[in-house]
Amino acid sequence: MSVEQNKKQGAGQEVQPPRGKVVQIDPLGLESMPLLGGPPETVTMRSGSIVLHPTKNIGKHTTGNNEEVLVVFSGSGEMRLADGTILNLKPHVILYCPPDMEHDVFNTGSEPLRYVYLVARAR
């Protein structure tokens, strides 16, 4: 058990390790939804299913001490990194965003951009 988990649980309480699970993703869903919520459900990982409509963007944010992966299912768009790098999103690609990187995701296509993000602590 990590020191962090011990502090969260308090003295004398036993922390249960995460368990394997299956989460159903609706590939034609109309709205975004959380998939994995982080501790205690996972060790450090969070994830969600995103539906980003045409001309919309997620909003600038940073990965902080985390790293992030996007798995694209349908639609097209861009991940724009603070260093000027533009990563193209299209079906069947995986994008990686390193720790401490400000970025934003834009739908540049004419149909909803559907992807899953996975974020986990890197340090």
Protein backbone atom coordinates (compact mmCIF):
# COMPACT_ATOMS: atom_id res chain seq x y z
CA MET A 1 0.00 0.00 0.00
CA SER A 2 1.34 3.42 -0.89
CA VAL A 3 1.70 6.24 1.63
CA GLU A 4 -0.91 8.15 -0.36
CA GLN A 5 -3.46 5.33 -0.10
CA ASN A 6 -2.74 4.97 3.61
CA LYS A 7 -3.40 8.68 4.20
CA LYS A 8 -6.68 8.53 2.26
CA GLN A 9 -7.94 5.46 4.09
CA GLY A 10 -6.92 6.54 7.58
CA ALA A 11 -5.26 4.51 10.27
CA GLY A 12 -6.49 0.98 10.83
CA GLN A 13 -8.51 0.65 7.62
CA GLU A 14 -7.40 -1.93 5.09
CA VAL A 15 -7.22 -0.88 1.42
CA GLN A 16 -8.54 -3.39 -1.09
CA PRO A 17 -6.53 -3.67 -4.30
CA PRO A 18 -8.30 -2.83 -7.57
CA ARG A 19 -10.13 -5.72 -9.24
CA GLY A 20 -10.43 -6.64 -12.89
CA LYS A 21 -13.57 -5.40 -14.58
CA VAL A 22 -15.29 -4.95 -17.93
CA VAL A 23 -16.74 -1.57 -18.94
CA GLN A 24 -19.11 -1.41 -21.92
CA ILE A 25 -18.51 1.43 -24.41
CA ASP A 26 -21.37 2.58 -26.63
CA PRO A 27 -19.64 3.16 -30.01
CA LEU A 28 -22.58 5.26 -31.23
CA GLY A 29 -23.17 7.10 -27.97
CA LEU A 30 -24.35 10.69 -28.20
CA GLU A 31 -22.63 11.93 -25.05
CA SER A 32 -19.30 11.60 -23.25
CA MET A 33 -19.13 9.35 -20.20
CA PRO A 34 -16.57 8.32 -17.56
CA LEU A 35 -15.23 4.77 -17.83
CA LEU A 36 -12.67 4.33 -15.02
CA GLY A 37 -12.70 6.78 -12.14
CA GLY A 38 -9.26 6.31 -10.60
CA PRO A 39 -8.56 5.07 -7.06
CA PRO A 40 -9.86 2.88 -5.52
CA GLU A 41 -11.27 1.52 -8.79
CA THR A 42 -7.75 1.56 -10.35
CA VAL A 43 -4.25 2.22 -9.02
CA THR A 44 -3.83 5.60 -10.81
CA MET A 45 -5.65 5.32 -14.14
CA ARG A 46 -8.71 7.33 -15.19
CA SER A 47 -10.51 7.07 -18.51
CA GLY A 48 -13.55 8.24 -20.36
CA SER A 49 -15.42 7.91 -23.62
CA ILE A 50 -15.63 11.23 -25.45
CA VAL A 51 -18.06 12.39 -28.13
CA LEU A 52 -16.85 15.72 -29.53
CA HIS A 53 -19.23 17.33 -32.03
CA PRO A 54 -18.09 19.13 -35.21
CA THR A 55 -16.32 22.50 -34.67
CA LYS A 56 -16.04 21.84 -30.89
CA ASN A 57 -12.95 21.44 -28.74
CA ILE A 58 -12.27 20.04 -25.27
CA GLY A 59 -10.48 23.13 -23.94
CA LYS A 60 -6.82 23.68 -23.11
CA HIS A 61 -5.60 21.60 -20.21
CA THR A 62 -2.36 20.04 -19.03
CA THR A 63 -1.41 16.48 -18.28
CA GLY A 64 0.51 17.61 -15.17
CA ASN A 65 2.22 14.60 -13.61
CA ASN A 66 0.20 12.26 -15.84
CA GLU A 67 0.60 10.84 -19.31
CA GLU A 68 -2.38 10.46 -21.61
CA VAL A 69 -3.36 8.20 -24.49
CA LEU A 70 -6.26 8.71 -26.91
CA VAL A 71 -7.74 5.79 -28.85
CA VAL A 72 -9.78 7.11 -31.79
CA PHE A 73 -12.81 5.17 -33.03
CA SER A 74 -14.47 7.53 -35.50
CA GLY A 75 -14.37 11.07 -36.85
CA SER A 76 -11.38 13.30 -37.38
CA GLY A 77 -9.61 16.01 -35.48
CA GLU A 78 -6.39 17.32 -34.02
CA MET A 79 -4.57 17.29 -30.72
CA ARG A 80 -2.69 20.60 -30.55
CA LEU A 81 0.25 20.60 -28.16
CA ALA A 82 1.64 23.74 -26.50
CA ASP A 83 4.96 23.27 -28.31
CA GLY A 84 3.18 23.76 -31.67
CA THR A 85 2.98 20.08 -32.57
CA ILE A 86 -0.29 19.00 -34.21
CA LEU A 87 -1.24 15.32 -33.97
CA ASN A 88 -3.94 14.14 -36.39
CA LEU A 89 -6.81 12.10 -34.99
CA LYS A 90 -8.51 9.59 -37.24
CA PRO A 91 -10.06 6.16 -36.75
CA HIS A 92 -7.81 3.36 -35.55
CA VAL A 93 -4.94 5.51 -34.28
CA ILE A 94 -3.52 5.94 -30.79
CA LEU A 95 -2.07 9.30 -29.71
CA TYR A 96 0.29 9.83 -26.78
CA CYS A 97 0.63 13.06 -24.78
CA PRO A 98 3.57 13.23 -22.32
CA PRO A 99 3.52 14.66 -18.77
CA ASP A 100 3.47 18.44 -18.25
CA MET A 101 2.12 19.13 -21.74
CA GLU A 102 -0.65 21.65 -22.30
CA HIS A 103 -2.92 20.50 -25.11
CA ASP A 104 -6.38 20.72 -26.61
CA VAL A 105 -8.43 18.39 -28.82
CA PHE A 106 -10.43 19.79 -31.74
CA ASN A 107 -13.01 18.13 -33.97
CA THR A 108 -12.04 19.29 -37.48
CA GLY A 109 -14.46 16.99 -39.31
CA SER A 110 -18.13 16.98 -40.21
CA GLU A 111 -19.19 14.10 -37.93
CA PRO A 112 -18.76 13.46 -34.19
CA LEU A 113 -15.21 12.60 -33.09
CA ARG A 114 -15.40 9.56 -30.80
CA TYR A 115 -12.44 8.45 -28.72
CA VAL A 116 -11.43 7.03 -25.37
CA TYR A 117 -8.80 8.75 -23.23
CA LEU A 118 -6.64 6.98 -20.64
CA VAL A 119 -4.69 9.00 -18.09
CA ALA A 120 -2.25 7.55 -15.57
CA ARG A 121 0.26 9.05 -13.16
CA ALA A 122 3.73 9.10 -14.69
CA ARG A 123 5.65 10.18 -11.59
